[in-house]
């Protein structure tokens, strides 16, 4: 079971509250209706130091967009798949022939 903080990883109020109200969590595949149009994508986690006003979507085109929380009219979760990712530990490869 995923704990509550993982459902909204990196999000702070007011964007976090908006996601909770809509029943949307990080890694949800969503259809989001906004004042600027309708977007389909995956809700991405945020850096803890990122601003608290935007929800980040990974669109099917591969682009990421930020949607300001107060522009979100409605959203529907149409799927969910938690991504497991880790930055590999180790040394960064270097090429001695390059500066």
N, C-alpha and C. Protein backbone atom coordinates (compact mmCIF):
# COMPACT_ATOMS: atom_id res chain seq x y z
N UNK A 1 0.84 -1.18 0.00
CA UNK A 1 0.00 0.00 0.00
C UNK A 1 0.88 1.25 0.00
N UNK A 2 0.57 2.19 -0.85
CA UNK A 2 1.31 3.44 -0.94
C UNK A 2 0.81 4.38 0.14
N UNK A 3 1.76 5.02 0.87
CA UNK A 3 1.31 5.94 1.91
C UNK A 3 0.80 7.24 1.28
N UNK A 4 0.07 8.01 2.06
CA UNK A 4 -0.61 9.21 1.57
C UNK A 4 0.36 10.21 0.96
N UNK A 5 1.55 10.41 1.57
CA UNK A 5 2.49 11.39 1.04
C UNK A 5 3.01 10.98 -0.34
N UNK A 6 3.11 9.69 -0.60
CA UNK A 6 3.55 9.22 -1.92
C UNK A 6 2.50 9.50 -2.99
N UNK A 7 1.23 9.56 -2.60
CA UNK A 7 0.16 9.85 -3.56
C UNK A 7 0.27 11.25 -4.13
N UNK A 8 0.95 12.15 -3.41
CA UNK A 8 1.06 13.55 -3.82
C UNK A 8 2.51 14.02 -3.76
N UNK A 9 3.44 13.16 -4.12
CA UNK A 9 4.87 13.39 -3.95
C UNK A 9 5.32 14.75 -4.50
N UNK A 10 5.85 15.56 -3.60
CA UNK A 10 6.41 16.86 -3.96
C UNK A 10 5.41 17.99 -4.03
N UNK A 11 4.12 17.67 -4.02
CA UNK A 11 3.10 18.73 -4.11
C UNK A 11 2.83 19.34 -2.75
N UNK A 12 2.65 20.65 -2.75
CA UNK A 12 2.29 21.40 -1.54
C UNK A 12 1.00 22.16 -1.82
N UNK A 13 0.38 22.62 -0.75
CA UNK A 13 -0.84 23.41 -0.93
C UNK A 13 -0.50 24.71 -1.63
N UNK A 14 -1.36 25.14 -2.53
CA UNK A 14 -2.74 24.74 -2.79
C UNK A 14 -2.89 23.64 -3.86
N UNK A 15 -1.84 23.33 -4.62
CA UNK A 15 -1.98 22.32 -5.68
C UNK A 15 -2.30 20.95 -5.09
N UNK A 16 -1.69 20.62 -3.95
CA UNK A 16 -1.94 19.32 -3.30
C UNK A 16 -3.41 19.19 -2.92
N UNK A 17 -3.97 20.23 -2.33
CA UNK A 17 -5.38 20.21 -1.94
C UNK A 17 -6.28 20.02 -3.15
N UNK A 18 -5.94 20.67 -4.26
CA UNK A 18 -6.74 20.53 -5.48
C UNK A 18 -6.70 19.08 -5.96
N UNK A 19 -5.52 18.46 -5.96
CA UNK A 19 -5.42 17.05 -6.37
C UNK A 19 -6.25 16.16 -5.45
N UNK A 20 -6.19 16.41 -4.15
CA UNK A 20 -6.96 15.61 -3.19
C UNK A 20 -8.46 15.78 -3.43
N UNK A 21 -8.90 17.00 -3.66
CA UNK A 21 -10.33 17.25 -3.93
C UNK A 21 -10.81 16.50 -5.16
N UNK A 22 -9.94 16.40 -6.17
CA UNK A 22 -10.30 15.75 -7.43
C UNK A 22 -10.10 14.23 -7.38
N UNK A 23 -9.45 13.73 -6.32
CA UNK A 23 -9.17 12.30 -6.23
C UNK A 23 -8.09 11.86 -7.20
N UNK A 24 -7.17 12.76 -7.50
CA UNK A 24 -6.08 12.49 -8.45
C UNK A 24 -4.78 12.37 -7.66
N UNK A 25 -3.97 11.37 -8.00
CA UNK A 25 -2.69 11.17 -7.34
C UNK A 25 -1.57 11.17 -8.36
N UNK A 26 -0.36 11.29 -7.87
CA UNK A 26 0.82 11.23 -8.74
C UNK A 26 0.82 9.88 -9.44
N UNK A 27 1.18 9.87 -10.70
CA UNK A 27 1.24 8.73 -11.62
C UNK A 27 -0.13 8.35 -12.18
N UNK A 28 -1.17 9.14 -11.87
CA UNK A 28 -2.49 8.90 -12.46
C UNK A 28 -2.47 9.31 -13.93
N UNK A 29 -3.12 8.51 -14.75
CA UNK A 29 -3.38 8.88 -16.14
C UNK A 29 -4.71 9.62 -16.10
N UNK A 30 -4.70 10.89 -16.51
CA UNK A 30 -5.88 11.73 -16.31
C UNK A 30 -6.34 12.44 -17.58
N UNK A 31 -7.60 12.80 -17.57
CA UNK A 31 -8.15 13.76 -18.51
C UNK A 31 -8.49 14.97 -17.65
N UNK A 32 -7.81 16.09 -17.93
CA UNK A 32 -7.95 17.29 -17.10
C UNK A 32 -8.59 18.41 -17.91
N UNK A 33 -9.72 18.89 -17.44
CA UNK A 33 -10.40 20.02 -18.06
C UNK A 33 -9.98 21.29 -17.33
N UNK A 34 -9.48 22.26 -18.10
CA UNK A 34 -9.01 23.51 -17.51
C UNK A 34 -9.66 24.69 -18.22
N UNK A 35 -9.41 25.87 -17.71
CA UNK A 35 -9.91 27.07 -18.36
C UNK A 35 -9.21 27.31 -19.69
N UNK A 36 -8.12 26.60 -19.94
CA UNK A 36 -7.34 26.75 -21.17
C UNK A 36 -7.57 25.60 -22.16
N UNK A 37 -8.38 24.62 -21.80
CA UNK A 37 -8.62 23.48 -22.67
C UNK A 37 -8.54 22.18 -21.90
N UNK A 38 -8.63 21.08 -22.64
CA UNK A 38 -8.59 19.74 -22.05
C UNK A 38 -7.25 19.10 -22.38
N UNK A 39 -6.63 18.49 -21.38
CA UNK A 39 -5.34 17.85 -21.54
C UNK A 39 -5.41 16.42 -21.02
N UNK A 40 -4.72 15.52 -21.72
CA UNK A 40 -4.61 14.12 -21.28
C UNK A 40 -3.15 13.82 -21.02
N UNK A 41 -2.88 13.20 -19.88
CA UNK A 41 -1.50 12.86 -19.57
C UNK A 41 -1.38 12.21 -18.21
N UNK A 42 -0.14 12.08 -17.77
CA UNK A 42 0.19 11.46 -16.49
C UNK A 42 0.63 12.55 -15.53
N UNK A 43 0.08 12.52 -14.32
CA UNK A 43 0.47 13.49 -13.29
C UNK A 43 1.85 13.08 -12.77
N UNK A 44 2.81 13.97 -12.92
CA UNK A 44 4.18 13.70 -12.50
C UNK A 44 4.43 14.23 -11.09
N UNK A 45 5.36 13.59 -10.36
CA UNK A 45 5.75 14.13 -9.05
C UNK A 45 6.49 15.44 -9.23
N UNK A 46 6.55 16.23 -8.19
CA UNK A 46 7.25 17.51 -8.21
C UNK A 46 8.43 17.47 -7.27
N UNK A 47 9.37 18.33 -7.54
CA UNK A 47 10.46 18.56 -6.59
C UNK A 47 9.87 19.25 -5.37
N UNK A 48 10.36 18.91 -4.21
CA UNK A 48 9.85 19.52 -2.97
C UNK A 48 10.08 21.03 -2.96
N UNK A 49 11.03 21.52 -3.76
CA UNK A 49 11.32 22.95 -3.78
C UNK A 49 10.62 23.68 -4.93
N UNK A 50 9.86 22.95 -5.74
CA UNK A 50 9.14 23.58 -6.86
C UNK A 50 7.98 24.41 -6.31
N UNK A 51 7.46 25.31 -7.14
CA UNK A 51 6.37 26.16 -6.66
C UNK A 51 5.14 25.32 -6.32
N UNK A 52 4.29 25.89 -5.50
CA UNK A 52 3.14 25.15 -4.97
C UNK A 52 1.86 25.36 -5.76
N UNK A 53 1.94 26.04 -6.90
CA UNK A 53 0.73 26.43 -7.63
C UNK A 53 0.42 25.58 -8.86
N UNK A 54 1.35 24.73 -9.30
CA UNK A 54 1.17 24.01 -10.56
C UNK A 54 1.18 22.50 -10.40
N UNK A 55 0.35 21.86 -11.22
CA UNK A 55 0.32 20.40 -11.35
C UNK A 55 1.01 20.10 -12.68
N UNK A 56 1.95 19.15 -12.68
CA UNK A 56 2.70 18.84 -13.89
C UNK A 56 2.14 17.59 -14.56
N UNK A 57 1.85 17.73 -15.85
CA UNK A 57 1.36 16.62 -16.66
C UNK A 57 2.38 16.26 -17.73
N UNK A 58 2.59 14.96 -17.92
CA UNK A 58 3.38 14.44 -19.05
C UNK A 58 2.36 14.10 -20.12
N UNK A 59 2.36 14.87 -21.21
CA UNK A 59 1.42 14.64 -22.29
C UNK A 59 1.84 13.44 -23.13
N UNK A 60 0.92 12.91 -23.90
CA UNK A 60 1.22 11.77 -24.77
C UNK A 60 2.27 12.12 -25.82
N UNK A 61 2.40 13.41 -26.14
CA UNK A 61 3.40 13.87 -27.10
C UNK A 61 4.81 13.81 -26.51
N UNK A 62 4.90 13.63 -25.19
CA UNK A 62 6.19 13.60 -24.52
C UNK A 62 6.54 14.91 -23.82
N UNK A 63 5.81 15.96 -24.14
CA UNK A 63 6.04 17.25 -23.50
C UNK A 63 5.45 17.25 -22.09
N UNK A 64 6.06 18.03 -21.21
CA UNK A 64 5.52 18.27 -19.87
C UNK A 64 4.92 19.66 -19.84
N UNK A 65 3.79 19.79 -19.17
CA UNK A 65 3.19 21.11 -18.99
C UNK A 65 2.84 21.30 -17.52
N UNK A 66 2.82 22.54 -17.10
CA UNK A 66 2.36 22.89 -15.76
C UNK A 66 1.00 23.53 -15.87
N UNK A 67 0.06 23.04 -15.09
CA UNK A 67 -1.30 23.59 -15.08
C UNK A 67 -1.51 24.24 -13.71
N UNK A 68 -1.79 25.52 -13.72
CA UNK A 68 -2.03 26.22 -12.46
C UNK A 68 -3.28 25.66 -11.79
N UNK A 69 -3.19 25.40 -10.49
CA UNK A 69 -4.26 24.72 -9.75
C UNK A 69 -5.62 25.39 -9.91
N UNK A 70 -5.65 26.73 -9.95
CA UNK A 70 -6.94 27.41 -10.02
C UNK A 70 -7.51 27.49 -11.43
N UNK A 71 -6.77 26.95 -12.41
CA UNK A 71 -7.29 26.82 -13.77
C UNK A 71 -7.91 25.45 -14.02
N UNK A 72 -7.76 24.53 -13.07
CA UNK A 72 -8.31 23.18 -13.23
C UNK A 72 -9.80 23.21 -12.88
N UNK A 73 -10.63 22.86 -13.86
CA UNK A 73 -12.08 22.83 -13.67
C UNK A 73 -12.51 21.47 -13.15
N UNK A 74 -11.99 20.40 -13.78
CA UNK A 74 -12.30 19.03 -13.36
C UNK A 74 -11.21 18.12 -13.88
N UNK A 75 -11.16 16.93 -13.33
CA UNK A 75 -10.19 15.93 -13.79
C UNK A 75 -10.75 14.55 -13.48
N UNK A 76 -10.42 13.62 -14.35
CA UNK A 76 -10.87 12.24 -14.17
C UNK A 76 -9.68 11.31 -14.32
N UNK A 77 -9.49 10.44 -13.33
CA UNK A 77 -8.44 9.44 -13.41
C UNK A 77 -8.94 8.30 -14.29
N UNK A 78 -8.22 8.03 -15.38
CA UNK A 78 -8.62 6.97 -16.30
C UNK A 78 -7.66 5.78 -16.23
N UNK A 79 -6.63 5.90 -15.42
CA UNK A 79 -5.68 4.82 -15.25
C UNK A 79 -4.66 5.20 -14.20
N UNK A 80 -3.87 4.22 -13.78
CA UNK A 80 -2.84 4.48 -12.79
C UNK A 80 -1.77 3.41 -12.91
N UNK A 81 -0.53 3.85 -12.94
CA UNK A 81 0.59 2.91 -12.90
C UNK A 81 1.75 3.63 -12.26
N UNK A 82 2.10 3.19 -11.06
CA UNK A 82 3.19 3.85 -10.35
C UNK A 82 4.51 3.52 -11.03
N UNK A 83 5.26 4.55 -11.33
CA UNK A 83 6.58 4.37 -11.92
C UNK A 83 7.58 4.16 -10.80
N UNK A 84 8.50 3.27 -11.03
CA UNK A 84 9.58 3.05 -10.08
C UNK A 84 10.85 3.49 -10.80
N UNK A 85 11.48 4.50 -10.24
CA UNK A 85 12.67 5.02 -10.87
C UNK A 85 13.72 5.29 -9.81
N UNK A 86 14.96 5.21 -10.22
CA UNK A 86 16.06 5.49 -9.32
C UNK A 86 17.22 5.99 -10.15
N UNK A 87 17.86 7.04 -9.67
CA UNK A 87 19.05 7.53 -10.34
C UNK A 87 20.18 6.59 -9.96
N UNK A 88 20.86 6.01 -10.96
CA UNK A 88 21.90 5.04 -10.65
C UNK A 88 23.06 5.68 -9.89
N UNK A 89 23.56 4.93 -8.92
CA UNK A 89 24.72 5.37 -8.16
C UNK A 89 25.97 5.02 -8.95
N UNK A 90 27.03 5.77 -8.73
CA UNK A 90 28.29 5.45 -9.38
C UNK A 90 28.96 6.68 -9.93
N UNK A 91 30.07 6.45 -10.56
CA UNK A 91 30.82 7.57 -11.11
C UNK A 91 30.32 7.91 -12.50
N UNK A 92 30.41 9.17 -12.82
CA UNK A 92 29.99 9.64 -14.12
C UNK A 92 31.11 9.36 -15.12
N UNK A 93 30.79 8.75 -16.27
CA UNK A 93 31.86 8.44 -17.24
C UNK A 93 32.45 9.73 -17.82
N UNK A 94 33.74 9.75 -17.95
CA UNK A 94 34.42 10.90 -18.54
C UNK A 94 35.26 10.45 -19.71
N UNK A 95 35.54 11.40 -20.59
CA UNK A 95 36.39 11.15 -21.75
C UNK A 95 37.61 12.05 -21.61
N UNK A 96 38.79 11.47 -21.34
CA UNK A 96 39.99 12.28 -21.11
C UNK A 96 40.38 13.13 -22.32
N UNK A 97 39.88 12.80 -23.50
CA UNK A 97 40.23 13.58 -24.69
C UNK A 97 39.39 14.85 -24.82
N UNK A 98 38.41 15.02 -23.93
CA UNK A 98 37.54 16.19 -23.99
C UNK A 98 37.73 17.05 -22.74
N UNK A 99 37.60 18.37 -22.91
CA UNK A 99 37.79 19.25 -21.74
C UNK A 99 36.68 19.10 -20.71
